C-alpha cells in the first residue's frame, strides 16, 4: 500500500521541527536548571519545583511566579504575575487558531504545544502555521526543560552561585532573537517594533508582567489589522 502523502508530509514537518528545536532545547535546559536551583533556594520542594515546570512549561511565567514567592508574596500574587507574563499567548492563539483543525477541545489540546520558538518557526509568513512543525519543535524543548528542572532541583547545591554563570542574560537574549526574526517579515515588523518599544518604556515604571501584557495588546491589534 502506498504511503499517504499527507502522513509523509506531517512526519517530515515534525522531524524538521525537532531538528530546528536543538539550539532552543539546549538553552531551555540551562534556563530550567537555573529555575530549579533558584526555586529550591526560595523554599519550594523538589517535587513542587518539578511539577511547576512540567505543568506551566513557561519560563517567563515561572520566573515571575518565583520572584513573587521569593519576595514573600502570596499565591494569588504569584498566579497573577505568571498570568500577566503569559498574556502574549492570547495574541499568538488568535493567530494560530485557523491552522488547528477539529472542535474546540481538540484545538485547545493542540494549542498547549504553542511556545515562543515553535510558534515563530511554524509561521509560514502568509498567516498560516505548520502545526506538525510546531509539535515537532515543542516536543524536545519540553523534554529538556523538564530534565533541566529536575537536575537543578535535585543537584543544584553542587553548582554554587548561578549568578556567576551569567544565566540571567540568556532569557532576554532568547526573546531578542525572536524579535529580530519577526523584524524580517514586513507584515509583522511594525507590530514587533511597537510592542517592543512599549514594553521597554514600561519596564522601569510598571509592575512585573504589565510590559509584556501591553506588548501583547499591540501584537493583537497588528494581527487584527493584518487579517482585515
N, C-alpha and C. Protein backbone atom coordinates (compact mmCIF):
# COMPACT_ATOMS: atom_id res chain seq x y z
N UNK A 1 0.85 -1.19 0.00
CA UNK A 1 0.00 0.00 0.00
C UNK A 1 0.88 1.24 0.00
N UNK A 2 0.56 2.19 -0.87
CA UNK A 2 1.35 3.41 -0.96
C UNK A 2 1.15 4.28 0.27
N UNK A 3 2.22 4.96 0.65
CA UNK A 3 2.14 5.85 1.82
C UNK A 3 1.25 7.04 1.51
N UNK A 4 0.52 7.48 2.49
CA UNK A 4 -0.33 8.66 2.35
C UNK A 4 0.57 9.89 2.29
N UNK A 5 0.47 10.68 1.19
CA UNK A 5 1.32 11.88 1.09
C UNK A 5 1.13 12.85 2.25
N UNK A 6 -0.09 12.92 2.77
CA UNK A 6 -0.34 13.82 3.90
C UNK A 6 0.41 13.36 5.14
N UNK A 7 0.41 12.03 5.37
CA UNK A 7 1.14 11.48 6.51
C UNK A 7 2.64 11.70 6.35
N UNK A 8 3.13 11.49 5.14
CA UNK A 8 4.56 11.69 4.88
C UNK A 8 4.94 13.15 5.12
N UNK A 9 4.09 14.06 4.68
CA UNK A 9 4.36 15.48 4.88
C UNK A 9 4.34 15.86 6.35
N UNK A 10 3.41 15.28 7.10
CA UNK A 10 3.32 15.56 8.53
C UNK A 10 4.56 15.07 9.25
N UNK A 11 5.02 13.85 8.91
CA UNK A 11 6.23 13.31 9.55
C UNK A 11 7.45 14.14 9.20
N UNK A 12 7.53 14.58 7.94
CA UNK A 12 8.67 15.40 7.53
C UNK A 12 8.69 16.73 8.28
N UNK A 13 7.52 17.33 8.44
CA UNK A 13 7.43 18.60 9.17
C UNK A 13 7.79 18.40 10.64
N UNK A 14 7.33 17.29 11.22
CA UNK A 14 7.63 17.01 12.62
C UNK A 14 9.14 16.85 12.81
N UNK A 15 9.78 16.10 11.92
CA UNK A 15 11.23 15.89 12.03
C UNK A 15 11.99 17.20 11.84
N UNK A 16 11.54 18.01 10.90
CA UNK A 16 12.19 19.31 10.68
C UNK A 16 12.06 20.19 11.92
N UNK A 17 10.87 20.19 12.51
CA UNK A 17 10.66 20.96 13.73
C UNK A 17 11.58 20.50 14.84
N UNK A 18 11.76 19.18 14.97
CA UNK A 18 12.63 18.63 16.01
C UNK A 18 14.08 19.05 15.78
N UNK A 19 14.51 19.04 14.52
CA UNK A 19 15.89 19.47 14.22
C UNK A 19 16.09 20.95 14.56
N UNK A 20 15.11 21.77 14.20
CA UNK A 20 15.22 23.20 14.48
C UNK A 20 15.17 23.49 15.98
N UNK A 21 14.64 22.56 16.74
CA UNK A 21 14.48 22.77 18.19
C UNK A 21 15.79 22.60 18.96
N UNK A 22 16.79 21.98 18.35
CA UNK A 22 18.00 21.62 19.10
C UNK A 22 18.63 22.80 19.85
N UNK A 23 18.93 23.93 19.20
CA UNK A 23 19.55 25.03 19.96
C UNK A 23 18.64 25.58 21.05
N UNK A 24 17.34 25.64 20.78
CA UNK A 24 16.40 26.13 21.78
C UNK A 24 16.30 25.16 22.95
N UNK A 25 16.36 23.87 22.65
CA UNK A 25 16.28 22.86 23.71
C UNK A 25 17.50 22.94 24.62
N UNK A 26 18.66 23.22 24.04
CA UNK A 26 19.88 23.35 24.85
C UNK A 26 19.78 24.56 25.77
N UNK A 27 19.34 25.69 25.21
CA UNK A 27 19.16 26.89 26.02
C UNK A 27 18.11 26.64 27.10
N UNK A 28 17.03 25.96 26.73
CA UNK A 28 15.97 25.67 27.69
C UNK A 28 16.47 24.82 28.84
N UNK A 29 17.35 23.88 28.56
CA UNK A 29 17.90 23.05 29.63
C UNK A 29 18.65 23.91 30.65
N UNK A 30 19.46 24.84 30.15
CA UNK A 30 20.24 25.70 31.04
C UNK A 30 19.32 26.62 31.85
N UNK A 31 18.31 27.18 31.18
CA UNK A 31 17.37 28.08 31.88
C UNK A 31 16.59 27.34 32.95
N UNK A 32 16.09 26.16 32.60
CA UNK A 32 15.28 25.41 33.56
C UNK A 32 16.14 24.90 34.71
N UNK A 33 17.41 24.60 34.44
CA UNK A 33 18.32 24.22 35.52
C UNK A 33 18.45 25.36 36.51
N UNK A 34 18.59 26.59 35.98
CA UNK A 34 18.66 27.76 36.84
C UNK A 34 17.37 27.92 37.64
N UNK A 35 16.23 27.69 36.99
CA UNK A 35 14.95 27.79 37.69
C UNK A 35 14.89 26.78 38.83
N UNK A 36 15.33 25.56 38.57
CA UNK A 36 15.31 24.53 39.60
C UNK A 36 16.13 24.91 40.81
N UNK A 37 17.31 25.47 40.57
CA UNK A 37 18.18 25.89 41.67
C UNK A 37 17.54 27.02 42.47
N UNK A 38 17.06 28.05 41.76
CA UNK A 38 16.50 29.23 42.43
C UNK A 38 15.21 28.90 43.17
N UNK A 39 14.40 28.01 42.61
CA UNK A 39 13.14 27.63 43.26
C UNK A 39 13.40 26.92 44.58
N UNK A 40 14.40 26.05 44.60
CA UNK A 40 14.71 25.37 45.85
C UNK A 40 15.21 26.36 46.90
N UNK A 41 16.00 27.35 46.46
CA UNK A 41 16.51 28.36 47.40
C UNK A 41 15.40 29.28 47.89
N UNK A 42 14.32 29.38 47.09
CA UNK A 42 13.18 30.21 47.51
C UNK A 42 12.25 29.47 48.46
N UNK A 43 12.52 28.19 48.70
CA UNK A 43 11.73 27.44 49.66
C UNK A 43 10.82 26.38 49.09
N UNK A 44 10.78 26.23 47.75
CA UNK A 44 9.95 25.19 47.15
C UNK A 44 10.64 23.84 47.29
N UNK A 45 9.86 22.79 47.45
CA UNK A 45 10.44 21.46 47.49
C UNK A 45 10.82 21.02 46.09
N UNK A 46 11.59 19.94 46.00
CA UNK A 46 11.97 19.43 44.68
C UNK A 46 10.73 19.03 43.89
N UNK A 47 9.76 18.38 44.56
CA UNK A 47 8.53 17.98 43.88
C UNK A 47 7.73 19.16 43.37
N UNK A 48 7.61 20.21 44.18
CA UNK A 48 6.87 21.41 43.77
C UNK A 48 7.56 22.09 42.59
N UNK A 49 8.88 22.14 42.65
CA UNK A 49 9.65 22.78 41.57
C UNK A 49 9.47 22.05 40.25
N UNK A 50 9.60 20.75 40.29
CA UNK A 50 9.48 19.94 39.07
C UNK A 50 8.05 19.99 38.53
N UNK A 51 7.07 19.93 39.42
CA UNK A 51 5.67 19.99 38.99
C UNK A 51 5.35 21.33 38.34
N UNK A 52 5.88 22.42 38.91
CA UNK A 52 5.64 23.75 38.33
C UNK A 52 6.18 23.83 36.91
N UNK A 53 7.39 23.28 36.70
CA UNK A 53 7.99 23.32 35.37
C UNK A 53 7.24 22.44 34.39
N UNK A 54 6.86 21.25 34.82
CA UNK A 54 6.20 20.30 33.92
C UNK A 54 4.80 20.77 33.53
N UNK A 55 4.10 21.43 34.45
CA UNK A 55 2.73 21.86 34.17
C UNK A 55 2.70 23.21 33.46
N UNK A 56 3.50 24.16 33.94
CA UNK A 56 3.48 25.50 33.36
C UNK A 56 4.25 25.56 32.05
N UNK A 57 5.46 24.99 32.03
CA UNK A 57 6.31 24.99 30.83
C UNK A 57 6.35 26.37 30.19
N UNK A 58 6.66 27.37 31.00
CA UNK A 58 6.68 28.75 30.52
C UNK A 58 7.71 29.51 31.34
N UNK A 59 8.88 29.72 30.75
CA UNK A 59 9.98 30.30 31.51
C UNK A 59 9.67 31.63 32.15
N UNK A 60 9.15 32.59 31.38
CA UNK A 60 8.90 33.92 31.93
C UNK A 60 7.88 33.86 33.05
N UNK A 61 6.83 33.04 32.88
CA UNK A 61 5.81 32.91 33.91
C UNK A 61 6.37 32.25 35.16
N UNK A 62 7.20 31.25 34.98
CA UNK A 62 7.79 30.56 36.12
C UNK A 62 8.71 31.48 36.93
N UNK A 63 9.54 32.24 36.23
CA UNK A 63 10.44 33.14 36.93
C UNK A 63 9.68 34.30 37.58
N UNK A 64 8.58 34.75 36.95
CA UNK A 64 7.75 35.78 37.56
C UNK A 64 7.11 35.26 38.84
N UNK A 65 6.58 34.04 38.78
CA UNK A 65 6.00 33.41 39.96
C UNK A 65 7.05 33.27 41.06
N UNK A 66 8.24 32.87 40.66
CA UNK A 66 9.31 32.65 41.63
C UNK A 66 9.73 33.95 42.30
N UNK A 67 9.76 35.03 41.54
CA UNK A 67 10.16 36.32 42.12
C UNK A 67 9.16 36.78 43.18
N UNK A 68 7.87 36.50 42.94
CA UNK A 68 6.85 36.86 43.93
C UNK A 68 6.98 35.99 45.18
N UNK A 69 7.15 34.69 44.98
CA UNK A 69 7.30 33.78 46.11
C UNK A 69 8.53 34.12 46.93
N UNK A 70 9.65 34.38 46.25
CA UNK A 70 10.89 34.70 46.95
C UNK A 70 10.77 36.02 47.72
N UNK A 71 9.92 36.93 47.21
CA UNK A 71 9.74 38.21 47.88
C UNK A 71 8.70 38.18 48.98
N UNK A 72 8.15 37.01 49.26
CA UNK A 72 7.17 36.87 50.34
C UNK A 72 5.73 37.05 49.91
N UNK A 73 5.47 37.11 48.61
CA UNK A 73 4.11 37.29 48.12
C UNK A 73 3.27 36.04 48.26
N UNK A 74 1.96 36.19 48.18
CA UNK A 74 1.05 35.08 48.33
C UNK A 74 0.78 34.36 47.03
N UNK A 75 -0.07 33.32 47.11
CA UNK A 75 -0.40 32.51 45.95
C UNK A 75 -1.10 33.33 44.86
N UNK A 76 -2.05 34.18 45.27
CA UNK A 76 -2.80 34.98 44.30
C UNK A 76 -1.88 35.92 43.52
N UNK A 77 -0.94 36.55 44.23
CA UNK A 77 0.00 37.46 43.57
C UNK A 77 0.91 36.70 42.62
N UNK A 78 1.35 35.50 43.03
CA UNK A 78 2.22 34.70 42.17
C UNK A 78 1.50 34.26 40.90
N UNK A 79 0.25 33.82 41.05
CA UNK A 79 -0.53 33.39 39.88
C UNK A 79 -0.81 34.57 38.96
N UNK A 80 -1.10 35.74 39.54
CA UNK A 80 -1.37 36.93 38.72
C UNK A 80 -0.14 37.32 37.92
N UNK A 81 1.02 37.29 38.55
CA UNK A 81 2.26 37.65 37.85
C UNK A 81 2.53 36.67 36.71
N UNK A 82 2.33 35.38 36.98
CA UNK A 82 2.54 34.38 35.93
C UNK A 82 1.56 34.57 34.79
N UNK A 83 0.30 34.87 35.12
CA UNK A 83 -0.70 35.09 34.09
C UNK A 83 -0.39 36.28 33.21
N UNK A 84 0.08 37.35 33.81
CA UNK A 84 0.44 38.53 33.03
C UNK A 84 1.59 38.23 32.08
N UNK A 85 2.56 37.48 32.58
CA UNK A 85 3.69 37.13 31.73
C UNK A 85 3.27 36.28 30.53
N UNK A 86 2.24 35.47 30.70
CA UNK A 86 1.79 34.59 29.62
C UNK A 86 0.70 35.22 28.76
N UNK A 87 0.40 36.49 29.00
CA UNK A 87 -0.67 37.15 28.24
C UNK A 87 -0.38 37.21 26.75
N UNK A 88 0.90 37.14 26.39
CA UNK A 88 1.25 37.20 24.96
C UNK A 88 0.66 36.03 24.18
N UNK A 89 0.35 34.92 24.87
CA UNK A 89 -0.19 33.77 24.19
C UNK A 89 -1.62 34.00 23.70
N UNK A 90 -2.28 35.03 24.21
CA UNK A 90 -3.60 35.38 23.69
C UNK A 90 -3.49 35.79 22.22
N UNK A 91 -2.55 36.68 21.95
CA UNK A 91 -2.35 37.12 20.57
C UNK A 91 -1.84 35.97 19.70
N UNK A 92 -0.94 35.17 20.24
CA UNK A 92 -0.41 34.04 19.48
C UNK A 92 -1.49 33.02 19.19
N UNK A 93 -2.41 32.82 20.16
CA UNK A 93 -3.50 31.88 19.95
C UNK A 93 -4.46 32.34 18.87
N UNK A 94 -4.76 33.65 18.85
CA UNK A 94 -5.63 34.20 17.81
C UNK A 94 -5.02 33.95 16.43
N UNK A 95 -3.71 34.10 16.32
CA UNK A 95 -3.04 33.95 15.02
C UNK A 95 -3.05 32.51 14.54
N UNK A 96 -2.81 31.56 15.46
CA UNK A 96 -2.63 30.17 15.04
C UNK A 96 -3.93 29.39 14.97
N UNK A 97 -5.00 29.89 15.59
CA UNK A 97 -6.26 29.15 15.68
C UNK A 97 -6.78 28.62 14.34
N UNK A 98 -6.78 29.40 13.26
CA UNK A 98 -7.31 28.88 11.99
C UNK A 98 -6.50 27.71 11.43
N UNK A 99 -5.26 27.52 11.89
CA UNK A 99 -4.41 26.45 11.37
C UNK A 99 -4.53 25.16 12.18
N UNK A 100 -5.36 25.16 13.21
CA UNK A 100 -5.54 23.97 14.05
C UNK A 100 -6.91 23.37 13.76
N UNK A 101 -6.97 22.15 13.24
CA UNK A 101 -8.26 21.54 12.89
C UNK A 101 -8.97 20.96 14.10
N UNK A 102 -10.26 20.64 13.90
CA UNK A 102 -11.04 19.98 14.93
C UNK A 102 -11.93 20.93 15.70
N UNK A 103 -12.63 20.35 16.70
CA UNK A 103 -13.51 21.13 17.54
C UNK A 103 -12.76 21.89 18.60
N UNK A 104 -13.48 22.61 19.46
CA UNK A 104 -12.84 23.45 20.48
C UNK A 104 -11.88 22.69 21.39
N UNK A 105 -12.28 21.50 21.87
CA UNK A 105 -11.42 20.75 22.79
C UNK A 105 -10.15 20.26 22.09
N UNK A 106 -10.29 19.77 20.88
CA UNK A 106 -9.12 19.29 20.14
C UNK A 106 -8.17 20.44 19.82
N UNK A 107 -8.72 21.56 19.43
CA UNK A 107 -7.88 22.72 19.13
C UNK A 107 -7.20 23.23 20.39
N UNK A 108 -7.91 23.21 21.51
CA UNK A 108 -7.32 23.64 22.77
C UNK A 108 -6.16 22.72 23.16
N UNK A 109 -6.35 21.42 22.94
CA UNK A 109 -5.28 20.46 23.26
C UNK A 109 -4.06 20.71 22.38
N UNK A 110 -4.27 20.95 21.09
CA UNK A 110 -3.15 21.23 20.20
C UNK A 110 -2.47 22.54 20.57
N UNK A 111 -3.26 23.49 21.05
CA UNK A 111 -2.72 24.79 21.42
C UNK A 111 -1.77 24.74 22.59
N UNK A 112 -1.81 23.65 23.38
CA UNK A 112 -0.90 23.53 24.51
C UNK A 112 0.55 23.41 24.06
N UNK A 113 0.76 23.09 22.80
CA UNK A 113 2.12 22.95 22.28
C UNK A 113 2.73 24.28 21.84
N UNK A 114 1.96 25.35 21.92
CA UNK A 114 2.47 26.66 21.48
C UNK A 114 3.43 27.23 22.51
N UNK A 115 4.65 27.44 22.11
CA UNK A 115 5.63 28.20 22.88
C UNK A 115 6.27 29.20 21.94
N UNK A 116 7.06 30.11 22.47
CA UNK A 116 7.55 31.23 21.66
C UNK A 116 8.32 30.77 20.42
N UNK A 117 9.31 29.90 20.61
CA UNK A 117 10.15 29.49 19.49
C UNK A 117 9.37 28.68 18.46
N UNK A 118 8.56 27.72 18.93
CA UNK A 118 7.84 26.87 17.98
C UNK A 118 6.79 27.67 17.21
N UNK A 119 6.15 28.63 17.88
CA UNK A 119 5.17 29.49 17.20
C UNK A 119 5.83 30.29 16.09
N UNK A 120 6.99 30.87 16.39
CA UNK A 120 7.69 31.69 15.39
C UNK A 120 8.18 30.84 14.23
N UNK A 121 8.72 29.65 14.51
CA UNK A 121 9.27 28.81 13.45
C UNK A 121 8.17 28.17 12.60
N UNK A 122 7.00 27.92 13.19
CA UNK A 122 5.91 27.30 12.44
C UNK A 122 5.17 28.30 11.55
N UNK A 123 5.43 29.58 11.75
CA UNK A 123 4.77 30.62 10.96
C UNK A 123 5.25 30.56 9.52
N UNK A 124 4.33 30.33 8.59
CA UNK A 124 4.71 30.25 7.17
C UNK A 124 4.89 31.62 6.54
N UNK A 125 4.49 32.67 7.23
CA UNK A 125 4.65 34.02 6.70
C UNK A 125 3.47 34.51 5.88
N UNK A 126 2.45 33.66 5.72
CA UNK A 126 1.28 34.05 4.94
C UNK A 126 0.01 34.04 5.80
N UNK A 127 0.20 34.03 7.12
CA UNK A 127 -0.95 34.00 8.02
C UNK A 127 -1.33 32.60 8.46
N UNK A 128 -0.65 31.57 7.93
CA UNK A 128 -0.93 30.19 8.33
C UNK A 128 0.29 29.61 9.05
N UNK A 129 0.05 28.48 9.76
CA UNK A 129 1.10 27.85 10.54
C UNK A 129 1.16 26.36 10.23
N UNK A 130 2.36 25.81 10.24
CA UNK A 130 2.59 24.38 10.07
C UNK A 130 2.48 23.72 11.44
N UNK A 131 1.33 23.11 11.73
CA UNK A 131 1.12 22.59 13.07
C UNK A 131 2.03 21.41 13.40
N UNK A 132 2.41 20.61 12.40
CA UNK A 132 3.29 19.48 12.68
C UNK A 132 4.71 19.94 12.97
N UNK A 133 5.14 20.99 12.31
CA UNK A 133 6.43 21.57 12.67
C UNK A 133 6.38 22.13 14.09
N UNK A 134 5.24 22.73 14.44
CA UNK A 134 5.04 23.24 15.79
C UNK A 134 5.18 22.12 16.82
N UNK A 135 4.49 20.99 16.57
CA UNK A 135 4.55 19.87 17.51
C UNK A 135 5.97 19.33 17.62
N UNK A 136 6.63 19.16 16.47
CA UNK A 136 7.98 18.62 16.48
C UNK A 136 8.97 19.53 17.16
N UNK A 137 8.75 20.83 17.06
CA UNK A 137 9.67 21.78 17.67
C UNK A 137 9.48 21.86 19.18
N UNK A 138 8.25 21.72 19.63
CA UNK A 138 7.97 21.84 21.06
C UNK A 138 8.38 20.60 21.84
N UNK A 139 8.22 19.42 21.26
CA UNK A 139 8.44 18.17 22.00
C UNK A 139 9.83 18.08 22.64
N UNK A 140 10.93 18.27 21.89
CA UNK A 140 12.24 18.18 22.54
C UNK A 140 12.50 19.31 23.53
N UNK A 141 11.89 20.46 23.29
CA UNK A 141 12.06 21.56 24.23
C UNK A 141 11.38 21.26 25.57
N UNK A 142 10.23 20.62 25.50
CA UNK A 142 9.55 20.23 26.74
C UNK A 142 10.38 19.20 27.51
N UNK A 143 10.97 18.27 26.77
CA UNK A 143 11.79 17.23 27.39
C UNK A 143 12.99 17.83 28.12
N UNK A 144 13.74 18.70 27.45
CA UNK A 144 14.93 19.27 28.07
C UNK A 144 14.58 20.27 29.17
N UNK A 145 13.44 20.95 29.02
CA UNK A 145 13.01 21.89 30.06
C UNK A 145 12.71 21.15 31.36
N UNK A 146 11.99 20.04 31.23
CA UNK A 146 11.66 19.25 32.42
C UNK A 146 12.92 18.61 33.00
N UNK A 147 13.77 18.08 32.14
CA UNK A 147 15.00 17.44 32.60
C UNK A 147 15.92 18.43 33.30
N UNK A 148 16.06 19.62 32.74
CA UNK A 148 16.90 20.64 33.36
C UNK A 148 16.39 21.03 34.73
N UNK A 149 15.06 21.12 34.87
CA UNK A 149 14.48 21.45 36.18
C UNK A 149 14.78 20.36 37.20
N UNK A 150 14.66 19.12 36.77
CA UNK A 150 14.96 18.00 37.67
C UNK A 150 16.40 18.07 38.16
N UNK A 151 17.32 18.31 37.23
CA UNK A 151 18.75 18.40 37.59
C UNK A 151 18.97 19.56 38.55
N UNK A 152 18.39 20.72 38.26
CA UNK A 152 18.58 21.88 39.12
C UNK A 152 17.97 21.71 40.49
N UNK A 153 16.77 21.10 40.53
CA UNK A 153 16.08 20.93 41.81
C UNK A 153 16.74 19.88 42.69
N UNK A 154 17.31 18.84 42.08
CA UNK A 154 17.87 17.74 42.86
C UNK A 154 19.36 17.93 43.15
N UNK A 155 20.10 18.47 42.17
CA UNK A 155 21.55 18.56 42.31
C UNK A 155 22.06 20.00 42.32
N UNK A 156 21.15 20.96 42.47
CA UNK A 156 21.52 22.37 42.35
C UNK A 156 22.55 22.84 43.35
N UNK A 157 22.59 22.25 44.52
CA UNK A 157 23.53 22.70 45.55
C UNK A 157 24.98 22.52 45.12
N UNK A 158 25.23 21.62 44.20
CA UNK A 158 26.61 21.38 43.77
C UNK A 158 27.10 22.41 42.77
N UNK A 159 26.15 23.25 42.25
CA UNK A 159 26.53 24.25 41.24
C UNK A 159 27.05 25.54 41.84
N UNK A 160 26.74 25.78 43.10
CA UNK A 160 27.17 27.03 43.73
C UNK A 160 26.29 28.19 43.29
N UNK A 161 26.88 29.37 43.19
CA UNK A 161 26.16 30.59 42.85
C UNK A 161 25.90 30.62 41.35
N UNK A 162 24.62 30.52 40.92
CA UNK A 162 24.30 30.52 39.49
C UNK A 162 24.49 31.89 38.85
N UNK A 163 24.51 32.97 39.63
CA UNK A 163 24.68 34.31 39.05
C UNK A 163 26.02 34.44 38.35
N UNK A 164 27.04 33.78 38.86
CA UNK A 164 28.38 33.92 38.28
C UNK A 164 28.46 33.25 36.91
N UNK A 165 27.47 32.39 36.58
CA UNK A 165 27.47 31.72 35.28
C UNK A 165 26.82 32.58 34.19
N UNK A 166 26.22 33.71 34.58
CA UNK A 166 25.59 34.59 33.60
C UNK A 166 24.28 34.07 33.05
N UNK A 167 23.60 33.20 33.80
CA UNK A 167 22.36 32.62 33.32
C UNK A 167 21.25 33.65 33.18
N UNK A 168 21.37 34.77 33.92
CA UNK A 168 20.32 35.79 33.85
C UNK A 168 20.25 36.47 32.50
N UNK A 169 21.31 36.36 31.71
CA UNK A 169 21.33 37.03 30.40
C UNK A 169 20.72 36.19 29.30
N UNK A 170 20.51 34.91 29.55
CA UNK A 170 20.06 34.02 28.48
C UNK A 170 18.63 34.31 28.08
N UNK A 171 17.75 34.52 29.06
CA UNK A 171 16.33 34.68 28.74
C UNK A 171 16.04 35.92 27.91
N UNK A 172 16.53 37.12 28.31
CA UNK A 172 16.28 38.28 27.44
C UNK A 172 16.92 38.14 26.07
N UNK A 173 18.07 37.48 25.98
CA UNK A 173 18.71 37.27 24.69
C UNK A 173 17.85 36.39 23.80
N UNK A 174 17.21 35.39 24.39
CA UNK A 174 16.32 34.49 23.67
C UNK A 174 15.17 35.26 23.03
N UNK A 175 14.52 36.12 23.82
CA UNK A 175 13.40 36.89 23.29
C UNK A 175 13.86 37.91 22.25
N UNK A 176 15.06 38.47 22.43
CA UNK A 176 15.59 39.41 21.45
C UNK A 176 15.79 38.72 20.10
N UNK A 177 16.26 37.46 20.12
CA UNK A 177 16.44 36.72 18.88
C UNK A 177 15.12 36.50 18.16
N UNK A 178 14.06 36.20 18.92
CA UNK A 178 12.74 36.02 18.31
C UNK A 178 12.23 37.34 17.72
N UNK A 179 12.47 38.45 18.42
CA UNK A 179 12.04 39.75 17.93
C UNK A 179 12.74 40.09 16.63
N UNK A 180 14.04 39.83 16.56
CA UNK A 180 14.80 40.13 15.35
C UNK A 180 14.29 39.29 14.17
N UNK A 181 13.86 38.06 14.47
CA UNK A 181 13.30 37.22 13.42
C UNK A 181 12.01 37.81 12.87
N UNK A 182 11.17 38.35 13.73
CA UNK A 182 9.92 38.95 13.28
C UNK A 182 10.16 40.22 12.47
N UNK A 183 11.26 40.92 12.74
CA UNK A 183 11.55 42.16 12.02
C UNK A 183 11.83 41.90 10.54
N UNK A 184 12.15 40.66 10.18
CA UNK A 184 12.42 40.34 8.77
C UNK A 184 11.13 40.23 7.96
N UNK A 185 10.01 40.11 8.65
CA UNK A 185 8.72 39.99 7.96
C UNK A 185 8.05 41.36 7.91
N UNK A 186 7.93 41.96 6.72
CA UNK A 186 7.35 43.31 6.62
C UNK A 186 5.95 43.40 7.20
N UNK A 187 5.17 42.29 7.12
CA UNK A 187 3.79 42.33 7.59
C UNK A 187 3.70 42.45 9.11
N UNK A 188 4.70 41.93 9.82
CA UNK A 188 4.64 41.96 11.28
C UNK A 188 5.68 42.92 11.89
N UNK A 189 6.43 43.60 11.03
CA UNK A 189 7.55 44.43 11.52
C UNK A 189 7.08 45.53 12.46
N UNK A 190 6.03 46.26 12.06
CA UNK A 190 5.63 47.41 12.88
C UNK A 190 4.98 46.97 14.19
N UNK A 191 4.28 45.84 14.16
CA UNK A 191 3.72 45.32 15.42
C UNK A 191 4.83 44.90 16.36
N UNK A 192 5.88 44.27 15.81
CA UNK A 192 7.02 43.83 16.63
C UNK A 192 7.75 45.03 17.22
N UNK A 193 8.01 46.03 16.38
CA UNK A 193 8.72 47.22 16.85
C UNK A 193 7.89 47.97 17.89
N UNK A 194 6.60 48.17 17.58
CA UNK A 194 5.74 48.91 18.51
C UNK A 194 5.61 48.20 19.84
N UNK A 195 5.39 46.89 19.82
CA UNK A 195 5.27 46.13 21.06
C UNK A 195 6.56 46.14 21.86
N UNK A 196 7.70 46.00 21.17
CA UNK A 196 8.99 46.00 21.85
C UNK A 196 9.29 47.34 22.51
N UNK A 197 9.03 48.43 21.80
CA UNK A 197 9.31 49.76 22.35
C UNK A 197 8.39 50.07 23.53
N UNK A 198 7.12 49.67 23.42
CA UNK A 198 6.18 49.92 24.52
C UNK A 198 6.60 49.15 25.77
N UNK A 199 6.97 47.87 25.58
CA UNK A 199 7.42 47.07 26.73
C UNK A 199 8.66 47.67 27.36
N UNK A 200 9.60 48.12 26.52
CA UNK A 200 10.84 48.71 27.02
C UNK A 200 10.55 49.97 27.83
N UNK A 201 9.60 50.79 27.36
CA UNK A 201 9.27 52.03 28.06
C UNK A 201 8.59 51.76 29.40
N UNK A 202 7.84 50.66 29.48
CA UNK A 202 7.08 50.38 30.70
C UNK A 202 7.89 49.63 31.77
N UNK A 203 8.99 49.01 31.37
CA UNK A 203 9.76 48.21 32.33
C UNK A 203 10.16 48.99 33.58
N UNK A 204 10.66 50.25 33.46
CA UNK A 204 11.10 50.94 34.68
C UNK A 204 9.96 51.40 35.60
N UNK A 205 8.73 51.48 35.05
CA UNK A 205 7.66 52.11 35.84
C UNK A 205 6.49 51.19 36.15
N UNK A 206 6.37 50.08 35.43
CA UNK A 206 5.19 49.21 35.60
C UNK A 206 5.54 47.97 36.41
N UNK A 207 4.54 47.38 37.06
CA UNK A 207 4.76 46.13 37.81
C UNK A 207 5.17 45.01 36.86
N UNK A 208 5.83 43.96 37.38
CA UNK A 208 6.22 42.83 36.53
C UNK A 208 5.02 42.23 35.81
N UNK A 209 5.19 41.96 34.53
CA UNK A 209 4.11 41.37 33.75
C UNK A 209 3.34 42.36 32.92
N UNK A 210 3.22 43.60 33.39
CA UNK A 210 2.45 44.62 32.66
C UNK A 210 3.11 44.97 31.32
N UNK A 211 4.45 45.14 31.26
CA UNK A 211 5.05 45.46 29.95
C UNK A 211 4.77 44.41 28.89
N UNK A 212 4.85 43.13 29.26
CA UNK A 212 4.61 42.08 28.26
C UNK A 212 3.13 42.02 27.89
N UNK A 213 2.24 42.38 28.82
CA UNK A 213 0.81 42.43 28.53
C UNK A 213 0.52 43.54 27.52
N UNK A 214 1.13 44.69 27.73
CA UNK A 214 0.94 45.81 26.81
C UNK A 214 1.49 45.48 25.42
N UNK A 215 2.66 44.83 25.39
CA UNK A 215 3.24 44.45 24.11
C UNK A 215 2.35 43.44 23.39
N UNK A 216 1.73 42.54 24.14
CA UNK A 216 0.82 41.56 23.54
C UNK A 216 -0.41 42.23 22.94
N UNK A 217 -0.88 43.30 23.61
CA UNK A 217 -2.03 44.04 23.09
C UNK A 217 -1.69 44.68 21.74
N UNK A 218 -0.48 45.24 21.64
CA UNK A 218 -0.04 45.82 20.37
C UNK A 218 0.03 44.75 19.29
N UNK A 219 0.57 43.58 19.65
CA UNK A 219 0.67 42.49 18.67
C UNK A 219 -0.71 42.03 18.23
N UNK A 220 -1.66 41.98 19.17
CA UNK A 220 -3.01 41.55 18.83
C UNK A 220 -3.67 42.52 17.87
N UNK A 221 -3.50 43.82 18.11
CA UNK A 221 -4.03 44.84 17.19
C UNK A 221 -3.42 44.67 15.80
N UNK A 222 -2.10 44.40 15.77
CA UNK A 222 -1.42 44.20 14.49
C UNK A 222 -1.97 43.00 13.74
N UNK A 223 -2.26 41.91 14.47
CA UNK A 223 -2.81 40.72 13.82
C UNK A 223 -4.21 40.95 13.28
N UNK A 224 -5.03 41.71 14.04
CA UNK A 224 -6.37 42.01 13.60
C UNK A 224 -6.34 42.86 12.32
N UNK A 225 -5.46 43.85 12.31
CA UNK A 225 -5.35 44.71 11.12
C UNK A 225 -4.82 43.94 9.93
N UNK A 226 -3.92 42.97 10.20
CA UNK A 226 -3.35 42.18 9.10
C UNK A 226 -4.39 41.27 8.46
N UNK A 227 -5.29 40.74 9.30
CA UNK A 227 -6.30 39.82 8.77
C UNK A 227 -7.51 40.52 8.19
N UNK A 228 -7.60 41.85 8.45
CA UNK A 228 -8.77 42.59 7.96
C UNK A 228 -8.75 42.74 6.44
